[in-house]
Amino acid sequence: MRFFAFLEYTAVIVGVIGMIASKFFYLPKGFDLGLFLVGAGFALAGLESLFTQRMSFRFASHAGEGYAGAPALIWAGMALLIGAAFIASAYLMEEGLWRTTVNGLMRRPAPLLAAGGLIAAGAGALLMVNPRQHGIWWTLFVRVPKTLLGLLLIAAVSPPSASACGNGSSRRRSTVFRRRRGSSSTCGRSSGSGEA
């Protein structure tokens, strides 16, 4: 087993055990420490994939050859984002700012949605990677569904087009346009009242 993989798995497993044990043995700081260890394990995995351009959390050095390069860099970004989220959560719980931060994100969920969109897009891209060639049955029952799921994940987080924005809001602005024919629309297109 590789040394970095041993550190990554140890940090995540010990962190999960610490979070569970803190509930049974009443360890107030145990949950925060366990959450931090899980985040540290993912952050270490992301840094390993970033610098080596190979997948982390692999037991053998020759494993995951098909995911070397760009897929490993995508996984590195995902792992760093997940690790940062766990570490930030542990810090907020330790400082007593967890509920305040959650309430703020519920009012303005843009950062949360952006992070979730990046992780979903990265997962979709990884699902579309075909590391090695297989038979026809593997292609039909594994590769094709996996590719379709990856496309759905990427399409789910893609921004709407400008035309969809204009068509979706035209009904709500119809009354306003009757009163103000010279006003510009919210999608960046202006209506000229003097044109025939």
N, C-alpha and C. Protein backbone atom coordinates (compact mmCIF):
# COMPACT_ATOMS: atom_id res chain seq x y z
N MET A 1 0.85 -1.20 0.00
CA MET A 1 0.00 0.00 0.00
C MET A 1 0.89 1.25 0.00
N ARG A 2 0.50 2.23 -0.79
CA ARG A 2 1.30 3.45 -0.89
C ARG A 2 1.20 4.26 0.40
N PHE A 3 2.26 5.04 0.67
CA PHE A 3 2.33 5.81 1.91
C PHE A 3 1.27 6.90 1.94
N PHE A 4 1.11 7.64 0.83
CA PHE A 4 0.11 8.71 0.80
C PHE A 4 -1.30 8.15 0.90
N ALA A 5 -1.54 7.02 0.25
CA ALA A 5 -2.86 6.40 0.37
C ALA A 5 -3.13 5.98 1.81
N PHE A 6 -2.10 5.48 2.49
CA PHE A 6 -2.26 5.11 3.91
C PHE A 6 -2.62 6.33 4.75
N LEU A 7 -1.96 7.46 4.51
CA LEU A 7 -2.28 8.68 5.26
C LEU A 7 -3.69 9.17 4.96
N GLU A 8 -4.08 9.14 3.70
CA GLU A 8 -5.41 9.62 3.31
C GLU A 8 -6.51 8.78 3.93
N TYR A 9 -6.40 7.46 3.79
CA TYR A 9 -7.42 6.58 4.35
C TYR A 9 -7.43 6.66 5.88
N THR A 10 -6.25 6.76 6.49
CA THR A 10 -6.19 6.84 7.95
C THR A 10 -6.88 8.09 8.46
N ALA A 11 -6.60 9.22 7.82
CA ALA A 11 -7.21 10.47 8.26
C ALA A 11 -8.74 10.41 8.13
N VAL A 12 -9.24 9.90 7.02
CA VAL A 12 -10.69 9.85 6.81
C VAL A 12 -11.35 8.86 7.77
N ILE A 13 -10.76 7.66 7.91
CA ILE A 13 -11.37 6.64 8.77
C ILE A 13 -11.32 7.05 10.23
N VAL A 14 -10.18 7.56 10.69
CA VAL A 14 -10.07 8.01 12.08
C VAL A 14 -11.00 9.18 12.33
N GLY A 15 -11.15 10.08 11.36
CA GLY A 15 -12.07 11.19 11.52
C GLY A 15 -13.51 10.74 11.65
N VAL A 16 -13.92 9.79 10.82
CA VAL A 16 -15.29 9.27 10.91
C VAL A 16 -15.52 8.56 12.24
N ILE A 17 -14.55 7.77 12.68
CA ILE A 17 -14.67 7.09 13.98
C ILE A 17 -14.75 8.11 15.11
N GLY A 18 -13.96 9.17 15.02
CA GLY A 18 -14.00 10.21 16.05
C GLY A 18 -15.34 10.90 16.12
N MET A 19 -15.95 11.18 14.96
CA MET A 19 -17.27 11.82 14.95
C MET A 19 -18.33 10.92 15.55
N ILE A 20 -18.25 9.62 15.25
CA ILE A 20 -19.23 8.68 15.81
C ILE A 20 -19.01 8.52 17.32
N ALA A 21 -17.73 8.39 17.72
CA ALA A 21 -17.44 8.20 19.15
C ALA A 21 -17.83 9.40 19.98
N SER A 22 -17.76 10.61 19.39
CA SER A 22 -18.11 11.80 20.15
C SER A 22 -19.58 11.82 20.53
N LYS A 23 -20.42 11.14 19.79
CA LYS A 23 -21.83 11.08 20.11
C LYS A 23 -22.13 10.09 21.23
N PHE A 24 -21.34 9.03 21.33
CA PHE A 24 -21.59 7.99 22.32
C PHE A 24 -20.88 8.26 23.65
N PHE A 25 -19.73 8.88 23.61
CA PHE A 25 -18.92 9.09 24.82
C PHE A 25 -18.90 10.56 25.26
N TYR A 26 -19.73 11.38 24.67
CA TYR A 26 -19.86 12.79 25.03
C TYR A 26 -18.49 13.47 25.02
N LEU A 27 -17.95 13.59 23.83
CA LEU A 27 -16.70 14.31 23.62
C LEU A 27 -17.01 15.57 22.81
N PRO A 28 -17.18 16.72 23.46
CA PRO A 28 -17.61 17.93 22.75
C PRO A 28 -16.69 18.32 21.61
N LYS A 29 -15.38 18.16 21.80
CA LYS A 29 -14.43 18.55 20.75
C LYS A 29 -14.13 17.41 19.79
N GLY A 30 -14.63 16.21 20.11
CA GLY A 30 -14.31 15.07 19.26
C GLY A 30 -14.92 15.16 17.87
N PHE A 31 -16.14 15.68 17.80
CA PHE A 31 -16.79 15.80 16.49
C PHE A 31 -16.06 16.81 15.61
N ASP A 32 -15.67 17.94 16.17
CA ASP A 32 -14.95 18.95 15.39
C ASP A 32 -13.61 18.41 14.90
N LEU A 33 -12.91 17.69 15.79
CA LEU A 33 -11.61 17.13 15.40
C LEU A 33 -11.78 16.06 14.33
N GLY A 34 -12.80 15.23 14.48
CA GLY A 34 -13.04 14.21 13.45
C GLY A 34 -13.38 14.83 12.11
N LEU A 35 -14.19 15.88 12.13
CA LEU A 35 -14.54 16.57 10.88
C LEU A 35 -13.30 17.18 10.23
N PHE A 36 -12.42 17.73 11.06
CA PHE A 36 -11.18 18.30 10.54
C PHE A 36 -10.30 17.21 9.91
N LEU A 37 -10.23 16.05 10.54
CA LEU A 37 -9.40 14.96 10.00
C LEU A 37 -9.93 14.47 8.66
N VAL A 38 -11.24 14.36 8.54
CA VAL A 38 -11.82 13.97 7.25
C VAL A 38 -11.47 14.99 6.17
N GLY A 39 -11.61 16.27 6.50
CA GLY A 39 -11.23 17.31 5.55
C GLY A 39 -9.75 17.28 5.21
N ALA A 40 -8.91 17.01 6.20
CA ALA A 40 -7.48 16.94 5.95
C ALA A 40 -7.14 15.77 5.03
N GLY A 41 -7.84 14.64 5.20
CA GLY A 41 -7.62 13.50 4.32
C GLY A 41 -7.97 13.81 2.87
N PHE A 42 -9.10 14.47 2.66
CA PHE A 42 -9.48 14.84 1.29
C PHE A 42 -8.56 15.91 0.73
N ALA A 43 -8.15 16.87 1.56
CA ALA A 43 -7.23 17.91 1.08
C ALA A 43 -5.88 17.31 0.69
N LEU A 44 -5.38 16.36 1.48
CA LEU A 44 -4.13 15.69 1.13
C LEU A 44 -4.27 14.91 -0.16
N ALA A 45 -5.43 14.27 -0.34
CA ALA A 45 -5.66 13.54 -1.59
C ALA A 45 -5.71 14.49 -2.78
N GLY A 46 -6.33 15.65 -2.60
CA GLY A 46 -6.37 16.62 -3.69
C GLY A 46 -4.99 17.16 -4.04
N LEU A 47 -4.18 17.43 -3.03
CA LEU A 47 -2.83 17.93 -3.30
C LEU A 47 -1.97 16.87 -3.99
N GLU A 48 -2.13 15.61 -3.59
CA GLU A 48 -1.37 14.55 -4.25
C GLU A 48 -1.74 14.45 -5.72
N SER A 49 -3.04 14.47 -6.02
CA SER A 49 -3.47 14.39 -7.42
C SER A 49 -3.05 15.61 -8.21
N LEU A 50 -3.02 16.77 -7.55
CA LEU A 50 -2.64 17.99 -8.24
C LEU A 50 -1.18 17.99 -8.67
N PHE A 51 -0.30 17.51 -7.80
CA PHE A 51 1.14 17.55 -8.10
C PHE A 51 1.60 16.33 -8.90
N THR A 52 0.98 15.19 -8.73
CA THR A 52 1.40 13.99 -9.46
C THR A 52 0.58 13.72 -10.71
N GLN A 53 -0.58 14.41 -10.85
CA GLN A 53 -1.50 14.17 -11.95
C GLN A 53 -1.91 12.70 -12.04
N ARG A 54 -2.04 12.10 -10.89
CA ARG A 54 -2.54 10.72 -10.77
C ARG A 54 -3.64 10.70 -9.73
N MET A 55 -4.53 9.72 -9.83
CA MET A 55 -5.63 9.62 -8.90
C MET A 55 -5.12 9.27 -7.50
N SER A 56 -5.71 9.88 -6.50
CA SER A 56 -5.37 9.57 -5.11
C SER A 56 -6.29 8.47 -4.59
N PHE A 57 -6.12 8.10 -3.32
CA PHE A 57 -6.88 7.03 -2.69
C PHE A 57 -6.72 5.70 -3.44
N ARG A 58 -5.57 5.48 -4.07
CA ARG A 58 -5.33 4.21 -4.76
C ARG A 58 -4.28 3.43 -3.97
N PHE A 59 -4.54 2.14 -3.82
CA PHE A 59 -3.67 1.32 -3.00
C PHE A 59 -2.33 1.04 -3.69
N ALA A 60 -2.36 0.69 -4.97
CA ALA A 60 -1.14 0.34 -5.70
C ALA A 60 -0.71 1.50 -6.58
N SER A 61 0.58 1.57 -6.86
CA SER A 61 1.11 2.66 -7.66
C SER A 61 0.69 2.57 -9.12
N HIS A 62 0.39 1.38 -9.60
CA HIS A 62 0.00 1.22 -11.00
C HIS A 62 -1.51 1.30 -11.21
N ALA A 63 -2.27 1.50 -10.15
CA ALA A 63 -3.73 1.56 -10.28
C ALA A 63 -4.15 2.92 -10.83
N GLY A 64 -5.28 2.93 -11.53
CA GLY A 64 -5.83 4.18 -12.05
C GLY A 64 -5.01 4.81 -13.15
N GLU A 65 -4.34 4.00 -13.97
CA GLU A 65 -3.53 4.57 -15.05
C GLU A 65 -4.39 5.30 -16.07
N GLY A 66 -5.61 4.82 -16.30
CA GLY A 66 -6.47 5.44 -17.29
C GLY A 66 -6.98 6.81 -16.89
N TYR A 67 -6.87 7.14 -15.62
CA TYR A 67 -7.36 8.44 -15.14
C TYR A 67 -6.23 9.44 -14.93
N ALA A 68 -5.03 9.13 -15.39
CA ALA A 68 -3.91 10.06 -15.24
C ALA A 68 -4.10 11.26 -16.17
N GLY A 69 -3.59 12.40 -15.75
CA GLY A 69 -3.69 13.60 -16.57
C GLY A 69 -4.86 14.47 -16.19
N ALA A 70 -5.67 14.85 -17.18
CA ALA A 70 -6.79 15.76 -16.95
C ALA A 70 -7.82 15.20 -15.97
N PRO A 71 -8.23 13.92 -16.06
CA PRO A 71 -9.18 13.41 -15.06
C PRO A 71 -8.65 13.50 -13.63
N ALA A 72 -7.36 13.26 -13.45
CA ALA A 72 -6.78 13.37 -12.11
C ALA A 72 -6.80 14.81 -11.62
N LEU A 73 -6.60 15.77 -12.51
CA LEU A 73 -6.67 17.18 -12.12
C LEU A 73 -8.10 17.59 -11.75
N ILE A 74 -9.08 17.04 -12.48
CA ILE A 74 -10.48 17.31 -12.12
C ILE A 74 -10.77 16.75 -10.73
N TRP A 75 -10.31 15.53 -10.48
CA TRP A 75 -10.52 14.94 -9.16
C TRP A 75 -9.78 15.73 -8.09
N ALA A 76 -8.61 16.28 -8.41
CA ALA A 76 -7.86 17.08 -7.45
C ALA A 76 -8.67 18.30 -7.02
N GLY A 77 -9.27 18.99 -8.00
CA GLY A 77 -10.11 20.14 -7.65
C GLY A 77 -11.31 19.75 -6.79
N MET A 78 -11.94 18.63 -7.12
CA MET A 78 -13.08 18.17 -6.33
C MET A 78 -12.65 17.83 -4.90
N ALA A 79 -11.55 17.10 -4.77
CA ALA A 79 -11.09 16.70 -3.44
C ALA A 79 -10.67 17.91 -2.60
N LEU A 80 -10.01 18.88 -3.22
CA LEU A 80 -9.63 20.09 -2.48
C LEU A 80 -10.86 20.87 -2.04
N LEU A 81 -11.86 20.94 -2.89
CA LEU A 81 -13.09 21.65 -2.53
C LEU A 81 -13.82 20.95 -1.39
N ILE A 82 -13.90 19.62 -1.45
CA ILE A 82 -14.55 18.87 -0.37
C ILE A 82 -13.76 18.99 0.92
N GLY A 83 -12.44 18.87 0.83
CA GLY A 83 -11.61 19.00 2.03
C GLY A 83 -11.72 20.38 2.66
N ALA A 84 -11.72 21.42 1.83
CA ALA A 84 -11.86 22.78 2.36
C ALA A 84 -13.22 22.97 3.03
N ALA A 85 -14.27 22.36 2.46
CA ALA A 85 -15.59 22.47 3.07
C ALA A 85 -15.63 21.80 4.45
N PHE A 86 -15.02 20.63 4.57
CA PHE A 86 -14.98 19.94 5.86
C PHE A 86 -14.16 20.72 6.89
N ILE A 87 -13.00 21.22 6.48
CA ILE A 87 -12.15 21.96 7.40
C ILE A 87 -12.82 23.26 7.83
N ALA A 88 -13.45 23.96 6.89
CA ALA A 88 -14.17 25.19 7.25
C ALA A 88 -15.33 24.90 8.19
N SER A 89 -16.03 23.79 7.98
CA SER A 89 -17.13 23.42 8.87
C SER A 89 -16.62 23.14 10.28
N ALA A 90 -15.48 22.44 10.37
CA ALA A 90 -14.91 22.18 11.69
C ALA A 90 -14.51 23.47 12.41
N TYR A 91 -13.95 24.41 11.66
CA TYR A 91 -13.57 25.70 12.26
C TYR A 91 -14.80 26.47 12.74
N LEU A 92 -15.85 26.49 11.92
CA LEU A 92 -17.05 27.22 12.30
C LEU A 92 -17.72 26.60 13.52
N MET A 93 -17.72 25.28 13.62
CA MET A 93 -18.29 24.64 14.80
C MET A 93 -17.46 24.92 16.05
N GLU A 94 -16.15 24.94 15.86
CA GLU A 94 -15.27 25.21 17.01
C GLU A 94 -15.45 26.63 17.53
N GLU A 95 -15.66 27.58 16.63
CA GLU A 95 -15.81 28.97 17.02
C GLU A 95 -17.25 29.37 17.34
N GLY A 96 -18.18 28.43 17.20
CA GLY A 96 -19.58 28.73 17.48
C GLY A 96 -20.26 29.56 16.42
N LEU A 97 -19.76 29.52 15.18
CA LEU A 97 -20.32 30.32 14.10
C LEU A 97 -21.09 29.48 13.09
N TRP A 98 -21.35 28.23 13.43
CA TRP A 98 -21.97 27.32 12.47
C TRP A 98 -23.38 27.77 12.11
N ARG A 99 -24.22 28.02 13.11
CA ARG A 99 -25.61 28.37 12.83
C ARG A 99 -25.72 29.71 12.11
N THR A 100 -24.87 30.65 12.48
CA THR A 100 -24.89 31.95 11.81
C THR A 100 -24.52 31.81 10.33
N THR A 101 -23.50 30.99 10.05
CA THR A 101 -23.08 30.80 8.66
C THR A 101 -24.14 30.07 7.85
N VAL A 102 -24.76 29.05 8.45
CA VAL A 102 -25.80 28.30 7.74
C VAL A 102 -27.00 29.21 7.43
N ASN A 103 -27.39 30.04 8.39
CA ASN A 103 -28.49 30.97 8.15
C ASN A 103 -28.15 31.96 7.04
N GLY A 104 -26.90 32.42 7.02
CA GLY A 104 -26.49 33.33 5.95
C GLY A 104 -26.50 32.66 4.58
N LEU A 105 -26.08 31.38 4.53
CA LEU A 105 -26.11 30.66 3.26
C LEU A 105 -27.52 30.35 2.81
N MET A 106 -28.43 30.17 3.75
CA MET A 106 -29.82 29.95 3.37
C MET A 106 -30.44 31.21 2.76
N ARG A 107 -30.00 32.37 3.24
CA ARG A 107 -30.49 33.62 2.66
C ARG A 107 -29.82 33.94 1.33
N ARG A 108 -28.53 33.65 1.23
CA ARG A 108 -27.77 33.91 0.00
C ARG A 108 -27.02 32.63 -0.37
N PRO A 109 -27.68 31.71 -1.05
CA PRO A 109 -27.06 30.39 -1.29
C PRO A 109 -26.16 30.33 -2.52
N ALA A 110 -25.75 31.48 -3.06
CA ALA A 110 -24.94 31.46 -4.27
C ALA A 110 -23.61 30.70 -4.09
N PRO A 111 -22.83 30.92 -3.02
CA PRO A 111 -21.59 30.14 -2.87
C PRO A 111 -21.84 28.64 -2.74
N LEU A 112 -22.89 28.28 -2.02
CA LEU A 112 -23.21 26.86 -1.86
C LEU A 112 -23.61 26.22 -3.18
N LEU A 113 -24.41 26.93 -3.96
CA LEU A 113 -24.83 26.41 -5.26
C LEU A 113 -23.64 26.33 -6.23
N ALA A 114 -22.75 27.31 -6.16
CA ALA A 114 -21.58 27.29 -7.05
C ALA A 114 -20.67 26.10 -6.72
N ALA A 115 -20.44 25.85 -5.44
CA ALA A 115 -19.59 24.72 -5.05
C ALA A 115 -20.25 23.40 -5.44
N GLY A 116 -21.55 23.28 -5.19
CA GLY A 116 -22.24 22.06 -5.60
C GLY A 116 -22.24 21.86 -7.10
N GLY A 117 -22.37 22.95 -7.85
CA GLY A 117 -22.32 22.85 -9.30
C GLY A 117 -20.96 22.40 -9.81
N LEU A 118 -19.89 22.91 -9.20
CA LEU A 118 -18.55 22.49 -9.61
C LEU A 118 -18.31 21.02 -9.32
N ILE A 119 -18.75 20.56 -8.16
CA ILE A 119 -18.57 19.14 -7.83
C ILE A 119 -19.40 18.26 -8.76
N ALA A 120 -20.64 18.67 -9.06
CA ALA A 120 -21.48 17.89 -9.97
C ALA A 120 -20.89 17.85 -11.38
N ALA A 121 -20.38 18.99 -11.85
CA ALA A 121 -19.77 19.02 -13.18
C ALA A 121 -18.51 18.16 -13.22
N GLY A 122 -17.70 18.21 -12.17
CA GLY A 122 -16.52 17.36 -12.13
C GLY A 122 -16.86 15.89 -12.11
N ALA A 123 -17.88 15.53 -11.32
CA ALA A 123 -18.31 14.12 -11.29
C ALA A 123 -18.83 13.68 -12.65
N GLY A 124 -19.57 14.56 -13.32
CA GLY A 124 -20.05 14.23 -14.66
C GLY A 124 -18.92 14.03 -15.65
N ALA A 125 -17.90 14.88 -15.57
CA ALA A 125 -16.75 14.73 -16.46
C ALA A 125 -16.00 13.43 -16.20
N LEU A 126 -15.85 13.06 -14.93
CA LEU A 126 -15.16 11.81 -14.61
C LEU A 126 -15.96 10.60 -15.06
N LEU A 127 -17.28 10.68 -15.00
CA LEU A 127 -18.10 9.55 -15.45
C LEU A 127 -18.00 9.33 -16.95
N MET A 128 -17.66 10.38 -17.69
CA MET A 128 -17.54 10.25 -19.14
C MET A 128 -16.18 9.71 -19.58
N VAL A 129 -15.24 9.57 -18.65
CA VAL A 129 -13.91 9.07 -19.01
C VAL A 129 -13.99 7.55 -19.18
N ASN A 130 -13.39 7.05 -20.25
CA ASN A 130 -13.32 5.60 -20.50
C ASN A 130 -11.87 5.16 -20.36
N PRO A 131 -11.47 4.65 -19.18
CA PRO A 131 -10.05 4.37 -18.95
C PRO A 131 -9.47 3.25 -19.80
N ARG A 132 -10.26 2.26 -20.16
CA ARG A 132 -9.74 1.15 -20.96
C ARG A 132 -10.87 0.56 -21.81
N GLN A 133 -10.50 -0.17 -22.82
CA GLN A 133 -11.46 -0.80 -23.71
C GLN A 133 -11.98 -2.11 -23.12
N HIS A 134 -13.30 -2.32 -23.25
CA HIS A 134 -13.93 -3.53 -22.79
C HIS A 134 -14.77 -4.12 -23.92
N GLY A 135 -15.47 -5.19 -23.61
CA GLY A 135 -16.31 -5.85 -24.59
C GLY A 135 -17.60 -5.09 -24.86
N ILE A 136 -18.42 -5.67 -25.73
CA ILE A 136 -19.66 -5.03 -26.14
C ILE A 136 -20.64 -4.95 -24.99
N TRP A 137 -20.69 -5.98 -24.13
CA TRP A 137 -21.64 -5.96 -23.01
C TRP A 137 -21.27 -4.91 -21.99
N TRP A 138 -19.98 -4.75 -21.72
CA TRP A 138 -19.53 -3.69 -20.81
C TRP A 138 -19.89 -2.32 -21.38
N THR A 139 -19.73 -2.15 -22.68
CA THR A 139 -20.05 -0.87 -23.30
C THR A 139 -21.54 -0.56 -23.20
N LEU A 140 -22.38 -1.57 -23.44
CA LEU A 140 -23.82 -1.35 -23.43
C LEU A 140 -24.38 -1.11 -22.03
N PHE A 141 -23.92 -1.88 -21.07
CA PHE A 141 -24.54 -1.85 -19.74
C PHE A 141 -23.78 -1.01 -18.71
N VAL A 142 -22.56 -0.61 -19.01
CA VAL A 142 -21.78 0.19 -18.06
C VAL A 142 -21.35 1.51 -18.67
N ARG A 143 -20.68 1.46 -19.78
CA ARG A 143 -20.10 2.69 -20.34
C ARG A 143 -21.18 3.65 -20.83
N VAL A 144 -22.17 3.15 -21.58
CA VAL A 144 -23.22 4.02 -22.10
C VAL A 144 -24.04 4.67 -20.99
N PRO A 145 -24.55 3.90 -19.99
CA PRO A 145 -25.27 4.56 -18.89
C PRO A 145 -24.40 5.53 -18.10
N LYS A 146 -23.13 5.19 -17.91
CA LYS A 146 -22.24 6.08 -17.18
C LYS A 146 -22.02 7.38 -17.95
N THR A 147 -21.85 7.29 -19.26
CA THR A 147 -21.67 8.49 -20.07
C THR A 147 -22.92 9.35 -20.07
N LEU A 148 -24.09 8.72 -20.19
CA LEU A 148 -25.34 9.48 -20.16
C LEU A 148 -25.54 10.18 -18.82
N LEU A 149 -25.20 9.49 -17.73
CA LEU A 149 -25.31 10.13 -16.41
C LEU A 149 -24.36 11.30 -16.29
N GLY A 150 -23.15 11.17 -16.83
CA GLY A 150 -22.21 12.29 -16.81
C GLY A 150 -22.71 13.48 -17.61
N LEU A 151 -23.32 13.21 -18.78
CA LEU A 151 -23.88 14.31 -19.57
C LEU A 151 -25.03 14.99 -18.85
N LEU A 152 -25.86 14.21 -18.16
CA LEU A 152 -26.96 14.80 -17.42
C LEU A 152 -26.46 15.69 -16.28
N LEU A 153 -25.40 15.25 -15.59
CA LEU A 153 -24.85 16.06 -14.50
C LEU A 153 -24.27 17.38 -15.03
N ILE A 154 -23.56 17.31 -16.16
CA ILE A 154 -22.99 18.53 -16.72
C ILE A 154 -24.09 19.46 -17.23
N ALA A 155 -25.12 18.87 -17.87
CA ALA A 155 -26.21 19.70 -18.38
C ALA A 155 -27.03 20.32 -17.26
N ALA A 156 -27.09 19.63 -16.11
CA ALA A 156 -27.88 20.14 -15.00
C ALA A 156 -27.28 21.40 -14.40
N VAL A 157 -25.97 21.56 -14.48
CA VAL A 157 -25.31 22.72 -13.87
C VAL A 157 -24.94 23.78 -14.89
N SER A 158 -25.26 23.55 -16.18
CA SER A 158 -24.94 24.55 -17.20
C SER A 158 -25.89 25.73 -17.07
N PRO A 159 -25.43 26.97 -17.29
CA PRO A 159 -26.29 28.15 -17.16
C PRO A 159 -27.31 28.21 -18.28
N PRO A 160 -28.48 28.82 -18.05
CA PRO A 160 -29.48 28.96 -19.10
C PRO A 160 -29.05 29.95 -20.16
N SER A 161 -29.55 29.79 -21.36
CA SER A 161 -29.18 30.67 -22.46
C SER A 161 -29.91 32.00 -22.34
N ALA A 162 -29.42 32.96 -23.09
CA ALA A 162 -30.04 34.29 -23.03
C ALA A 162 -31.44 34.28 -23.62
N SER A 163 -31.67 33.46 -24.67
CA SER A 163 -33.01 33.41 -25.26
C SER A 163 -34.02 32.84 -24.29
N ALA A 164 -33.59 31.82 -23.51
CA ALA A 164 -34.50 31.26 -22.52
C ALA A 164 -34.84 32.28 -21.46
N CYS A 165 -33.87 33.13 -21.14
CA CYS A 165 -34.14 34.17 -20.15
C CYS A 165 -35.18 35.14 -20.66
N GLY A 166 -35.07 35.51 -21.94
CA GLY A 166 -36.03 36.46 -22.47
C GLY A 166 -37.41 35.86 -22.61
N ASN A 167 -37.51 34.57 -23.05
CA ASN A 167 -38.80 33.96 -23.23
C ASN A 167 -39.48 33.67 -21.91
N GLY A 168 -38.70 33.30 -20.89
CA GLY A 168 -39.29 32.94 -19.62
C GLY A 168 -39.83 34.13 -18.86
N SER A 169 -39.29 35.31 -19.11
CA SER A 169 -39.72 36.48 -18.35
C SER A 169 -40.61 37.43 -19.15
N SER A 170 -40.92 37.04 -20.41
CA SER A 170 -41.70 37.95 -21.25
C SER A 170 -43.13 38.09 -20.75
N ARG A 171 -43.69 36.99 -20.22
CA ARG A 171 -45.07 37.07 -19.76
C ARG A 171 -45.20 37.97 -18.55
N ARG A 172 -44.20 37.91 -17.65
CA ARG A 172 -44.28 38.73 -16.45
C ARG A 172 -44.08 40.20 -16.75
N ARG A 173 -43.38 40.52 -17.87
CA ARG A 173 -43.08 41.91 -18.17
C ARG A 173 -44.00 42.49 -19.25
N SER A 174 -45.01 41.70 -19.66
CA SER A 174 -45.85 42.18 -20.75
C SER A 174 -46.59 43.45 -20.37
N THR A 175 -47.10 43.50 -19.12
CA THR A 175 -47.83 44.68 -18.68
C THR A 175 -46.91 45.88 -18.58
N VAL A 176 -45.68 45.65 -18.13
CA VAL A 176 -44.73 46.76 -18.01
C VAL A 176 -44.36 47.30 -19.38
N PHE A 177 -44.21 46.41 -20.37
CA PHE A 177 -43.85 46.85 -21.70
C PHE A 177 -44.96 47.67 -22.35
N ARG A 178 -46.20 47.40 -21.99
CA ARG A 178 -47.28 48.19 -22.55
C ARG A 178 -47.22 49.63 -22.05
N ARG A 179 -46.75 49.77 -20.80
CA ARG A 179 -46.67 51.11 -20.23
C ARG A 179 -45.37 51.81 -20.60
N ARG A 180 -44.28 51.04 -20.66
CA ARG A 180 -42.97 51.61 -20.96
C ARG A 180 -42.40 50.89 -22.18
N ARG A 181 -42.70 51.38 -23.33
CA ARG A 181 -42.23 50.74 -24.55
C ARG A 181 -40.75 51.02 -24.81
N GLY A 182 -40.21 52.02 -24.16
CA GLY A 182 -38.82 52.35 -24.41
C GLY A 182 -37.85 51.77 -23.42
N SER A 183 -38.32 50.99 -22.44
CA SER A 183 -37.43 50.43 -21.42
C SER A 183 -36.71 49.23 -21.95
N SER A 184 -35.52 48.93 -21.37
CA SER A 184 -34.71 47.80 -21.80
C SER A 184 -35.07 46.59 -20.97
N SER A 185 -34.87 45.39 -21.54
CA SER A 185 -35.17 44.14 -20.84
C SER A 185 -34.04 43.76 -19.94
N THR A 186 -34.32 42.82 -19.02
CA THR A 186 -33.32 42.39 -18.05
C THR A 186 -32.27 41.50 -18.65
N CYS A 187 -32.46 40.95 -19.84
CA CYS A 187 -31.48 40.08 -20.47
C CYS A 187 -30.51 40.84 -21.36
N GLY A 188 -30.57 42.16 -21.32
CA GLY A 188 -29.58 42.94 -22.05
C GLY A 188 -30.04 43.44 -23.40
N ARG A 189 -31.31 43.14 -23.81
CA ARG A 189 -31.80 43.60 -25.11
C ARG A 189 -32.73 44.80 -24.87
N SER A 190 -32.54 45.85 -25.64
CA SER A 190 -33.36 47.05 -25.50
C SER A 190 -34.36 47.10 -26.61
N SER A 191 -35.55 47.64 -26.31
CA SER A 191 -36.61 47.78 -27.30
C SER A 191 -36.72 49.23 -27.70
N GLY A 192 -36.62 49.48 -28.99
CA GLY A 192 -36.69 50.86 -29.46
C GLY A 192 -38.11 51.26 -29.72
N SER A 193 -38.59 52.26 -29.02
CA SER A 193 -39.99 52.69 -29.19
C SER A 193 -40.20 53.49 -30.44
N GLY A 194 -39.15 54.06 -31.00
CA GLY A 194 -39.34 54.91 -32.17
C GLY A 194 -39.26 54.15 -33.46
N GLU A 195 -38.87 52.83 -33.45
CA GLU A 195 -38.73 52.08 -34.67
C GLU A 195 -40.08 51.60 -35.15
N ALA A 196 -40.26 51.50 -36.43
CA ALA A 196 -41.52 51.05 -36.99
C ALA A 196 -41.61 49.54 -36.92
